[in-house]
Amino acid sequence: MRADEVNVAGEKPPEALTGAEREELVRLRREVKRLQMEREILKKAAAFFAKESE
């Protein structure tokens, strides 16, 4: 079971989402993916510049 499938007490099942909630979920997942990619790029850049300054 994936973490996003866990039903927190009082939470509606995924099929009970409204259209607006579903759109927001898609938007937020897209944003999380973009932010994770940015973080990875920044980590690689920091490692590159730290290695270069030695």
Protein backbone atom coordinates (compact mmCIF):
# COMPACT_ATOMS: atom_id res chain seq x y z
CA MET A 1 0.00 0.00 0.00
CA ARG A 2 1.38 3.40 -0.98
CA ALA A 3 1.60 6.19 1.58
CA ASP A 4 -0.96 8.29 -0.31
CA GLU A 5 -3.46 5.43 -0.07
CA VAL A 6 -3.46 5.36 3.72
CA ASN A 7 -6.84 6.47 5.02
CA VAL A 8 -6.40 8.91 7.89
CA ALA A 9 -9.27 8.94 10.39
CA GLY A 10 -12.15 10.96 9.00
CA GLU A 11 -10.63 11.29 5.53
CA LYS A 12 -12.84 10.58 2.52
CA PRO A 13 -11.81 7.70 0.24
CA PRO A 14 -10.00 8.86 -2.95
CA GLU A 15 -13.04 8.19 -5.14
CA ALA A 16 -15.02 10.71 -3.05
CA LEU A 17 -12.83 13.64 -4.16
CA THR A 18 -14.55 16.50 -5.92
CA GLY A 19 -13.30 17.73 -9.28
CA ALA A 20 -11.62 20.73 -7.65
CA GLU A 21 -9.92 18.52 -5.06
CA ARG A 22 -8.70 16.15 -7.75
CA GLU A 23 -7.29 19.08 -9.77
CA GLU A 24 -5.53 20.45 -6.69
CA LEU A 25 -4.07 17.01 -5.94
CA VAL A 26 -2.69 16.75 -9.48
CA ARG A 27 -1.26 20.29 -9.25
CA LEU A 28 0.35 19.63 -5.87
CA ARG A 29 1.88 16.34 -7.02
CA ARG A 30 3.31 18.10 -10.07
CA GLU A 31 4.75 20.84 -7.83
CA VAL A 32 6.28 18.29 -5.44
CA LYS A 33 7.96 16.55 -8.38
CA ARG A 34 9.35 19.86 -9.68
CA LEU A 35 10.64 20.86 -6.24
CA GLN A 36 12.31 17.46 -5.78
CA MET A 37 14.06 17.87 -9.13
CA GLU A 38 15.20 21.40 -8.18
CA ARG A 39 16.54 20.10 -4.85
CA GLU A 40 18.53 17.38 -6.62
CA ILE A 41 20.01 19.91 -9.03
CA LEU A 42 21.00 22.18 -6.13
CA LYS A 43 22.59 19.28 -4.25
CA LYS A 44 24.65 18.37 -7.31
CA ALA A 45 25.67 22.00 -7.85
CA ALA A 46 26.70 22.37 -4.21
CA ALA A 47 28.78 19.19 -4.42
CA PHE A 48 30.39 20.40 -7.66
CA PHE A 49 31.36 23.80 -6.23
CA ALA A 50 32.55 22.29 -2.94
CA LYS A 51 34.80 19.90 -4.88
CA GLU A 52 36.08 22.72 -7.12
CA SER A 53 37.07 24.95 -4.18
CA GLU A 54 39.39 22.31 -2.67
